[in-house]
């Protein structure tokens, strides 16, 4: 089993765009988005992916993740099975020390939301904090993509 360990943050400015070494457009949907288990279909730069994630630990830092690349045509077909509410975003990759910070800028119903994640090898691993990171929101379900498709950022009070 593969365990995903990550910390999630709000982004306080757009300096990540100048620092990014790569960016890609991502469209994704969810076949299942129950709390504790998600099945995601993603198209990223004309590549398809199928991902299954398990429940998060109590602190939200870690969860089981299985992901495999699939033909983009199959991903497009699987998108037809997804629940309403697609996620549309650009992902920027920013080097920060030995880590890569993934910054997601959302569009559509989630426009205005920008979050960053840093994946770690252990829950207590140290990492360099880039200047654009704001408040930590690790474990806050409302920032999960599977939640954003059900309750988009534009609907938050």
N, C-alpha and C. Protein backbone atom coordinates (compact mmCIF):
# COMPACT_ATOMS: atom_id res chain seq x y z
N UNK A 1 0.83 -1.18 0.00
CA UNK A 1 0.00 0.00 0.00
C UNK A 1 0.87 1.24 0.00
N UNK A 2 0.41 2.25 -0.70
CA UNK A 2 1.11 3.51 -0.75
C UNK A 2 0.43 4.51 0.18
N UNK A 3 1.21 5.16 1.01
CA UNK A 3 0.66 6.12 1.96
C UNK A 3 1.04 7.52 1.49
N UNK A 4 0.05 8.39 1.35
CA UNK A 4 0.27 9.79 0.98
C UNK A 4 0.35 10.60 2.26
N UNK A 5 1.43 11.36 2.43
CA UNK A 5 1.60 12.23 3.59
C UNK A 5 1.81 13.63 3.03
N UNK A 6 0.89 14.56 3.37
CA UNK A 6 1.01 15.91 2.83
C UNK A 6 0.45 16.94 3.79
N UNK A 7 0.96 18.16 3.65
CA UNK A 7 0.45 19.30 4.39
C UNK A 7 -0.14 20.26 3.35
N UNK A 8 -1.26 20.88 3.70
CA UNK A 8 -1.98 21.75 2.78
C UNK A 8 -2.08 23.16 3.36
N UNK A 9 -1.94 24.17 2.48
CA UNK A 9 -1.92 25.57 2.90
C UNK A 9 -2.74 26.43 1.94
N UNK A 10 -3.27 27.52 2.47
CA UNK A 10 -3.80 28.55 1.60
C UNK A 10 -2.61 29.32 1.04
N UNK A 11 -2.80 29.95 -0.10
CA UNK A 11 -1.73 30.71 -0.74
C UNK A 11 -2.05 32.19 -0.61
N UNK A 12 -1.07 33.00 -0.14
CA UNK A 12 -1.34 34.39 0.19
C UNK A 12 -0.96 35.38 -0.90
N UNK A 13 -0.22 34.95 -1.92
CA UNK A 13 0.09 35.85 -3.03
C UNK A 13 0.43 35.04 -4.27
N UNK A 14 0.63 35.71 -5.39
CA UNK A 14 0.86 35.00 -6.66
C UNK A 14 2.34 34.82 -7.01
N UNK A 15 3.23 34.98 -6.05
CA UNK A 15 4.67 34.84 -6.33
C UNK A 15 5.02 33.43 -6.80
N UNK A 16 4.17 32.44 -6.51
CA UNK A 16 4.42 31.07 -6.95
C UNK A 16 4.48 30.97 -8.48
N UNK A 17 3.78 31.84 -9.17
CA UNK A 17 3.78 31.78 -10.64
C UNK A 17 5.16 32.05 -11.22
N UNK A 18 5.86 33.02 -10.65
CA UNK A 18 7.22 33.34 -11.12
C UNK A 18 8.23 32.29 -10.66
N UNK A 19 7.93 31.60 -9.58
CA UNK A 19 8.84 30.60 -9.03
C UNK A 19 8.64 29.21 -9.66
N UNK A 20 7.52 29.02 -10.35
CA UNK A 20 7.16 27.69 -10.87
C UNK A 20 8.10 27.25 -11.99
N UNK A 21 8.47 25.97 -11.97
CA UNK A 21 9.26 25.40 -13.06
C UNK A 21 8.38 24.64 -14.05
N UNK A 22 7.10 24.47 -13.70
CA UNK A 22 6.18 23.75 -14.58
C UNK A 22 4.75 24.10 -14.19
N UNK A 23 3.83 23.98 -15.15
CA UNK A 23 2.41 24.12 -14.85
C UNK A 23 1.63 23.22 -15.80
N UNK A 24 0.44 22.80 -15.36
CA UNK A 24 -0.40 21.96 -16.20
C UNK A 24 -1.86 22.17 -15.84
N UNK A 25 -2.72 22.02 -16.81
CA UNK A 25 -4.17 22.13 -16.59
C UNK A 25 -4.70 20.76 -16.20
N UNK A 26 -5.56 20.72 -15.21
CA UNK A 26 -6.12 19.48 -14.71
C UNK A 26 -7.64 19.60 -14.67
N UNK A 27 -8.29 18.59 -15.23
CA UNK A 27 -9.74 18.43 -15.11
C UNK A 27 -9.94 17.10 -14.39
N UNK A 28 -10.77 17.10 -13.36
CA UNK A 28 -10.99 15.84 -12.66
C UNK A 28 -12.42 15.74 -12.16
N UNK A 29 -12.86 14.48 -12.07
CA UNK A 29 -14.19 14.18 -11.55
C UNK A 29 -14.10 13.01 -10.61
N UNK A 30 -15.20 12.75 -9.92
CA UNK A 30 -15.23 11.70 -8.91
C UNK A 30 -16.34 10.70 -9.21
N UNK A 31 -15.95 9.44 -9.34
CA UNK A 31 -16.91 8.36 -9.47
C UNK A 31 -17.53 8.09 -8.11
N UNK A 32 -16.70 8.18 -7.07
CA UNK A 32 -17.15 8.03 -5.68
C UNK A 32 -16.45 9.10 -4.86
N UNK A 33 -17.21 9.79 -4.03
CA UNK A 33 -16.61 10.81 -3.17
C UNK A 33 -17.14 10.71 -1.75
N UNK A 34 -17.36 9.48 -1.31
CA UNK A 34 -17.81 9.26 0.07
C UNK A 34 -16.68 9.62 1.03
N UNK A 35 -17.05 10.08 2.20
CA UNK A 35 -16.02 10.38 3.21
C UNK A 35 -15.29 9.08 3.55
N UNK A 36 -13.99 9.11 3.44
CA UNK A 36 -13.20 7.93 3.75
C UNK A 36 -12.79 7.12 2.55
N UNK A 37 -13.37 7.42 1.39
CA UNK A 37 -12.97 6.72 0.16
C UNK A 37 -13.38 7.54 -1.05
N UNK A 38 -12.44 7.75 -1.93
CA UNK A 38 -12.75 8.45 -3.18
C UNK A 38 -12.14 7.69 -4.35
N UNK A 39 -12.84 7.78 -5.47
CA UNK A 39 -12.34 7.25 -6.74
C UNK A 39 -12.38 8.41 -7.71
N UNK A 40 -11.21 8.82 -8.16
CA UNK A 40 -11.06 10.02 -8.97
C UNK A 40 -10.57 9.67 -10.37
N UNK A 41 -11.10 10.39 -11.35
CA UNK A 41 -10.62 10.31 -12.73
C UNK A 41 -10.04 11.68 -13.05
N UNK A 42 -8.84 11.68 -13.62
CA UNK A 42 -8.16 12.96 -13.90
C UNK A 42 -7.58 12.94 -15.31
N UNK A 43 -7.67 14.09 -15.95
CA UNK A 43 -6.95 14.32 -17.21
C UNK A 43 -6.01 15.48 -16.96
N UNK A 44 -4.72 15.19 -17.16
CA UNK A 44 -3.67 16.20 -16.93
C UNK A 44 -2.75 16.18 -18.14
N UNK A 45 -2.73 17.28 -18.85
CA UNK A 45 -1.87 17.39 -20.05
C UNK A 45 -2.06 16.20 -20.99
N UNK A 46 -3.30 15.89 -21.29
CA UNK A 46 -3.64 14.82 -22.23
C UNK A 46 -3.19 13.43 -21.78
N UNK A 47 -3.03 13.26 -20.47
CA UNK A 47 -2.79 11.94 -19.89
C UNK A 47 -3.91 11.65 -18.92
N UNK A 48 -4.35 10.40 -18.86
CA UNK A 48 -5.42 10.02 -17.95
C UNK A 48 -4.89 9.32 -16.72
N UNK A 49 -5.60 9.47 -15.60
CA UNK A 49 -5.21 8.84 -14.35
C UNK A 49 -6.46 8.38 -13.60
N UNK A 50 -6.35 7.25 -12.94
CA UNK A 50 -7.39 6.75 -12.06
C UNK A 50 -6.76 6.65 -10.68
N UNK A 51 -7.42 7.25 -9.69
CA UNK A 51 -6.87 7.30 -8.33
C UNK A 51 -7.92 6.87 -7.32
N UNK A 52 -7.48 6.07 -6.37
CA UNK A 52 -8.33 5.66 -5.25
C UNK A 52 -7.64 6.14 -3.97
N UNK A 53 -8.39 6.84 -3.13
CA UNK A 53 -7.85 7.31 -1.85
C UNK A 53 -8.71 6.80 -0.72
N UNK A 54 -8.06 6.48 0.39
CA UNK A 54 -8.76 6.01 1.58
C UNK A 54 -9.01 7.14 2.55
N UNK A 55 -9.42 6.78 3.74
CA UNK A 55 -9.71 7.76 4.78
C UNK A 55 -8.42 8.40 5.28
N UNK A 56 -8.52 9.66 5.66
CA UNK A 56 -7.39 10.38 6.25
C UNK A 56 -7.24 9.99 7.72
N UNK A 57 -6.02 10.10 8.21
CA UNK A 57 -5.79 9.93 9.64
C UNK A 57 -6.49 11.08 10.37
N UNK A 58 -6.59 10.99 11.67
CA UNK A 58 -7.29 12.01 12.46
C UNK A 58 -6.75 13.41 12.24
N UNK A 59 -5.44 13.55 12.06
CA UNK A 59 -4.85 14.87 11.86
C UNK A 59 -4.88 15.31 10.39
N UNK A 60 -5.35 14.44 9.50
CA UNK A 60 -5.47 14.79 8.09
C UNK A 60 -4.17 14.75 7.32
N UNK A 61 -3.09 14.32 7.94
CA UNK A 61 -1.78 14.33 7.29
C UNK A 61 -1.54 13.16 6.34
N UNK A 62 -2.21 12.04 6.57
CA UNK A 62 -1.85 10.83 5.84
C UNK A 62 -3.09 10.04 5.44
N UNK A 63 -3.00 9.39 4.27
CA UNK A 63 -4.05 8.47 3.83
C UNK A 63 -3.52 7.58 2.72
N UNK A 64 -4.19 6.45 2.56
CA UNK A 64 -3.84 5.51 1.50
C UNK A 64 -4.15 6.15 0.15
N UNK A 65 -3.22 5.94 -0.82
CA UNK A 65 -3.45 6.43 -2.18
C UNK A 65 -2.90 5.43 -3.19
N UNK A 66 -3.72 5.11 -4.17
CA UNK A 66 -3.35 4.25 -5.29
C UNK A 66 -3.68 5.01 -6.55
N UNK A 67 -2.67 5.20 -7.42
CA UNK A 67 -2.90 5.95 -8.66
C UNK A 67 -2.18 5.27 -9.81
N UNK A 68 -2.87 5.16 -10.95
CA UNK A 68 -2.27 4.59 -12.15
C UNK A 68 -2.67 5.40 -13.37
N UNK A 69 -1.71 5.54 -14.27
CA UNK A 69 -2.00 6.20 -15.54
C UNK A 69 -2.84 5.26 -16.40
N UNK A 70 -3.84 5.85 -17.05
CA UNK A 70 -4.69 5.10 -17.98
C UNK A 70 -4.74 5.88 -19.29
N UNK A 71 -5.11 5.23 -20.39
CA UNK A 71 -5.22 5.97 -21.66
C UNK A 71 -6.20 7.14 -21.52
N UNK A 72 -5.86 8.28 -22.10
CA UNK A 72 -6.70 9.47 -21.98
C UNK A 72 -8.11 9.22 -22.52
N UNK A 73 -8.23 8.37 -23.54
CA UNK A 73 -9.56 8.05 -24.08
C UNK A 73 -10.42 7.36 -23.02
N UNK A 74 -9.80 6.46 -22.24
CA UNK A 74 -10.52 5.79 -21.18
C UNK A 74 -10.91 6.78 -20.08
N UNK A 75 -10.02 7.71 -19.77
CA UNK A 75 -10.33 8.73 -18.77
C UNK A 75 -11.52 9.57 -19.23
N UNK A 76 -11.56 9.94 -20.49
CA UNK A 76 -12.70 10.72 -21.01
C UNK A 76 -14.00 9.93 -20.89
N UNK A 77 -13.95 8.64 -21.16
CA UNK A 77 -15.15 7.80 -21.03
C UNK A 77 -15.57 7.69 -19.56
N UNK A 78 -14.61 7.50 -18.66
CA UNK A 78 -14.92 7.40 -17.24
C UNK A 78 -15.49 8.70 -16.68
N UNK A 79 -15.09 9.84 -17.25
CA UNK A 79 -15.63 11.14 -16.81
C UNK A 79 -17.15 11.17 -16.94
N UNK A 80 -17.69 10.42 -17.89
CA UNK A 80 -19.14 10.37 -18.09
C UNK A 80 -19.86 9.70 -16.92
N UNK A 81 -19.12 8.90 -16.13
CA UNK A 81 -19.68 8.22 -14.96
C UNK A 81 -19.56 9.04 -13.68
N UNK A 82 -18.84 10.15 -13.76
CA UNK A 82 -18.55 10.93 -12.56
C UNK A 82 -19.78 11.68 -12.04
N UNK A 83 -19.75 11.93 -10.74
CA UNK A 83 -20.77 12.72 -10.09
C UNK A 83 -20.73 14.15 -10.63
N UNK A 84 -21.82 14.90 -10.50
CA UNK A 84 -21.81 16.30 -10.95
C UNK A 84 -20.76 17.10 -10.20
N UNK A 85 -20.20 18.11 -10.87
CA UNK A 85 -19.24 19.02 -10.23
C UNK A 85 -17.81 18.69 -10.54
N UNK A 86 -17.35 19.00 -11.73
CA UNK A 86 -15.96 18.76 -12.11
C UNK A 86 -15.04 19.79 -11.47
N UNK A 87 -13.83 19.39 -11.20
CA UNK A 87 -12.78 20.27 -10.70
C UNK A 87 -11.92 20.68 -11.89
N UNK A 88 -11.70 21.98 -12.04
CA UNK A 88 -10.89 22.54 -13.13
C UNK A 88 -9.86 23.45 -12.48
N UNK A 89 -8.57 23.17 -12.73
CA UNK A 89 -7.52 23.94 -12.07
C UNK A 89 -6.23 23.88 -12.87
N UNK A 90 -5.36 24.84 -12.59
CA UNK A 90 -3.98 24.78 -13.08
C UNK A 90 -3.10 24.46 -11.89
N UNK A 91 -2.21 23.49 -12.09
CA UNK A 91 -1.26 23.12 -11.04
C UNK A 91 0.11 23.66 -11.41
N UNK A 92 0.69 24.41 -10.49
CA UNK A 92 2.05 24.95 -10.64
C UNK A 92 2.97 24.16 -9.73
N UNK A 93 4.15 23.80 -10.22
CA UNK A 93 5.14 23.08 -9.43
C UNK A 93 6.27 24.04 -9.08
N UNK A 94 6.56 24.14 -7.79
CA UNK A 94 7.58 25.07 -7.29
C UNK A 94 8.57 24.29 -6.43
N UNK A 95 9.84 24.38 -6.75
CA UNK A 95 10.89 23.74 -5.95
C UNK A 95 11.10 24.54 -4.68
N UNK A 96 11.15 23.83 -3.55
CA UNK A 96 11.38 24.46 -2.26
C UNK A 96 12.27 23.52 -1.46
N UNK A 97 13.57 23.81 -1.44
CA UNK A 97 14.51 22.89 -0.80
C UNK A 97 14.50 21.58 -1.54
N UNK A 98 14.37 20.47 -0.80
CA UNK A 98 14.36 19.16 -1.46
C UNK A 98 12.94 18.73 -1.87
N UNK A 99 11.95 19.57 -1.60
CA UNK A 99 10.56 19.25 -1.91
C UNK A 99 10.05 20.04 -3.12
N UNK A 100 8.97 19.54 -3.68
CA UNK A 100 8.24 20.27 -4.72
C UNK A 100 6.87 20.62 -4.14
N UNK A 101 6.56 21.90 -4.15
CA UNK A 101 5.26 22.38 -3.67
C UNK A 101 4.33 22.44 -4.87
N UNK A 102 3.15 21.83 -4.74
CA UNK A 102 2.13 21.86 -5.79
C UNK A 102 1.11 22.93 -5.43
N UNK A 103 0.97 23.92 -6.30
CA UNK A 103 0.02 25.01 -6.07
C UNK A 103 -1.12 24.86 -7.07
N UNK A 104 -2.35 24.77 -6.56
CA UNK A 104 -3.53 24.62 -7.41
C UNK A 104 -4.33 25.91 -7.42
N UNK A 105 -4.50 26.47 -8.61
CA UNK A 105 -5.33 27.65 -8.83
C UNK A 105 -6.61 27.17 -9.51
N UNK A 106 -7.74 27.36 -8.83
CA UNK A 106 -9.01 26.79 -9.28
C UNK A 106 -9.78 27.75 -10.19
N UNK A 107 -10.63 27.16 -11.03
CA UNK A 107 -11.49 27.91 -11.95
C UNK A 107 -12.94 27.50 -11.74
N UNK A 108 -13.82 28.09 -12.52
CA UNK A 108 -15.24 27.74 -12.46
C UNK A 108 -15.84 28.09 -11.12
N UNK A 109 -16.57 27.15 -10.54
CA UNK A 109 -17.26 27.38 -9.27
C UNK A 109 -16.29 27.53 -8.09
N UNK A 110 -15.03 27.18 -8.30
CA UNK A 110 -14.02 27.31 -7.23
C UNK A 110 -13.03 28.44 -7.49
N UNK A 111 -13.36 29.29 -8.48
CA UNK A 111 -12.47 30.42 -8.81
C UNK A 111 -12.24 31.28 -7.58
N UNK A 112 -10.99 31.71 -7.42
CA UNK A 112 -10.60 32.53 -6.28
C UNK A 112 -9.89 31.73 -5.20
N UNK A 113 -9.99 30.42 -5.26
CA UNK A 113 -9.32 29.57 -4.29
C UNK A 113 -7.97 29.12 -4.85
N UNK A 114 -6.93 29.29 -4.05
CA UNK A 114 -5.59 28.83 -4.42
C UNK A 114 -5.01 28.14 -3.18
N UNK A 115 -4.66 26.86 -3.34
CA UNK A 115 -4.09 26.09 -2.24
C UNK A 115 -2.78 25.45 -2.68
N UNK A 116 -1.94 25.16 -1.70
CA UNK A 116 -0.65 24.53 -1.98
C UNK A 116 -0.50 23.30 -1.08
N UNK A 117 0.19 22.29 -1.62
CA UNK A 117 0.46 21.07 -0.86
C UNK A 117 1.93 20.73 -0.98
N UNK A 118 2.47 20.19 0.09
CA UNK A 118 3.83 19.66 0.06
C UNK A 118 3.75 18.22 0.56
N UNK A 119 4.23 17.28 -0.26
CA UNK A 119 4.24 15.87 0.12
C UNK A 119 5.51 15.56 0.88
N UNK A 120 5.35 14.76 1.93
CA UNK A 120 6.45 14.44 2.83
C UNK A 120 6.65 12.93 2.92
N UNK A 121 7.82 12.53 3.38
CA UNK A 121 8.11 11.11 3.59
C UNK A 121 7.66 10.63 4.96
N UNK A 122 7.51 11.56 5.91
CA UNK A 122 7.02 11.21 7.25
C UNK A 122 6.25 12.40 7.80
N UNK A 123 5.40 12.15 8.78
CA UNK A 123 4.57 13.23 9.32
C UNK A 123 5.37 14.29 10.05
N UNK A 124 6.57 13.96 10.51
CA UNK A 124 7.37 14.94 11.24
C UNK A 124 8.54 15.48 10.41
N UNK A 125 8.54 15.20 9.11
CA UNK A 125 9.62 15.68 8.24
C UNK A 125 9.58 17.20 8.13
N UNK A 126 10.75 17.81 8.22
CA UNK A 126 10.85 19.26 8.07
C UNK A 126 10.92 19.62 6.59
N UNK A 127 10.49 20.84 6.26
CA UNK A 127 10.48 21.31 4.88
C UNK A 127 10.68 22.83 4.89
N UNK A 128 11.21 23.34 3.78
CA UNK A 128 11.37 24.78 3.64
C UNK A 128 10.04 25.40 3.28
N UNK A 129 9.71 26.50 3.93
CA UNK A 129 8.43 27.18 3.71
C UNK A 129 8.63 28.30 2.69
N UNK A 130 8.06 28.16 1.48
CA UNK A 130 8.19 29.24 0.50
C UNK A 130 7.37 30.46 0.93
N UNK A 131 7.71 31.64 0.44
CA UNK A 131 7.08 32.88 0.93
C UNK A 131 5.59 33.01 0.62
N UNK A 132 5.07 32.26 -0.32
CA UNK A 132 3.66 32.40 -0.69
C UNK A 132 2.72 31.57 0.16
N UNK A 133 3.25 30.69 1.03
CA UNK A 133 2.39 29.86 1.87
C UNK A 133 1.75 30.70 2.96
N UNK A 134 0.43 30.52 3.13
CA UNK A 134 -0.32 31.19 4.17
C UNK A 134 -0.75 30.21 5.24
N UNK A 135 -1.97 30.37 5.69
CA UNK A 135 -2.53 29.54 6.76
C UNK A 135 -2.53 28.06 6.39
N UNK A 136 -2.13 27.21 7.34
CA UNK A 136 -2.18 25.77 7.10
C UNK A 136 -3.62 25.29 7.27
N UNK A 137 -4.08 24.47 6.31
CA UNK A 137 -5.45 23.94 6.32
C UNK A 137 -5.45 22.41 6.22
N UNK A 138 -4.32 21.80 6.56
CA UNK A 138 -4.21 20.34 6.55
C UNK A 138 -5.35 19.73 7.37
N UNK A 139 -6.02 18.75 6.79
CA UNK A 139 -7.08 18.04 7.49
C UNK A 139 -8.43 18.72 7.47
N UNK A 140 -8.52 19.94 6.94
CA UNK A 140 -9.81 20.62 6.85
C UNK A 140 -10.53 20.13 5.59
N UNK A 141 -11.56 19.34 5.78
CA UNK A 141 -12.24 18.64 4.70
C UNK A 141 -12.74 19.60 3.62
N UNK A 142 -13.13 20.80 3.98
CA UNK A 142 -13.69 21.72 2.98
C UNK A 142 -12.69 22.07 1.88
N UNK A 143 -11.40 21.82 2.11
CA UNK A 143 -10.39 22.09 1.09
C UNK A 143 -10.04 20.87 0.25
N UNK A 144 -10.65 19.72 0.53
CA UNK A 144 -10.43 18.53 -0.29
C UNK A 144 -11.14 18.74 -1.63
N UNK A 145 -10.51 18.35 -2.71
CA UNK A 145 -11.12 18.48 -4.03
C UNK A 145 -12.47 17.76 -4.10
N UNK A 146 -12.56 16.60 -3.45
CA UNK A 146 -13.81 15.84 -3.48
C UNK A 146 -14.94 16.59 -2.77
N UNK A 147 -14.60 17.46 -1.83
CA UNK A 147 -15.60 18.30 -1.17
C UNK A 147 -15.92 19.52 -2.01
N UNK A 148 -14.89 20.09 -2.65
CA UNK A 148 -15.09 21.29 -3.48
C UNK A 148 -16.04 21.03 -4.65
N UNK A 149 -16.10 19.80 -5.13
CA UNK A 149 -17.02 19.52 -6.23
C UNK A 149 -18.46 19.49 -5.74
N UNK A 150 -18.67 19.20 -4.45
CA UNK A 150 -20.02 19.18 -3.88
C UNK A 150 -20.43 20.53 -3.31
N UNK A 151 -19.48 21.21 -2.72
CA UNK A 151 -19.71 22.51 -2.08
C UNK A 151 -18.63 23.47 -2.55
N UNK A 152 -18.80 24.05 -3.74
CA UNK A 152 -17.76 24.89 -4.33
C UNK A 152 -17.45 26.15 -3.50
N UNK A 153 -16.25 26.63 -3.68
CA UNK A 153 -15.73 27.79 -2.97
C UNK A 153 -16.66 29.00 -3.11
N UNK A 154 -17.26 29.20 -4.30
CA UNK A 154 -18.14 30.36 -4.52
C UNK A 154 -19.40 30.31 -3.67
N UNK A 155 -19.75 29.14 -3.12
CA UNK A 155 -20.93 29.01 -2.28
C UNK A 155 -20.62 29.19 -0.79
N UNK A 156 -19.34 29.30 -0.43
CA UNK A 156 -18.98 29.44 0.98
C UNK A 156 -19.43 30.81 1.47
N UNK A 157 -19.83 30.86 2.71
CA UNK A 157 -20.27 32.13 3.33
C UNK A 157 -19.11 32.77 4.04
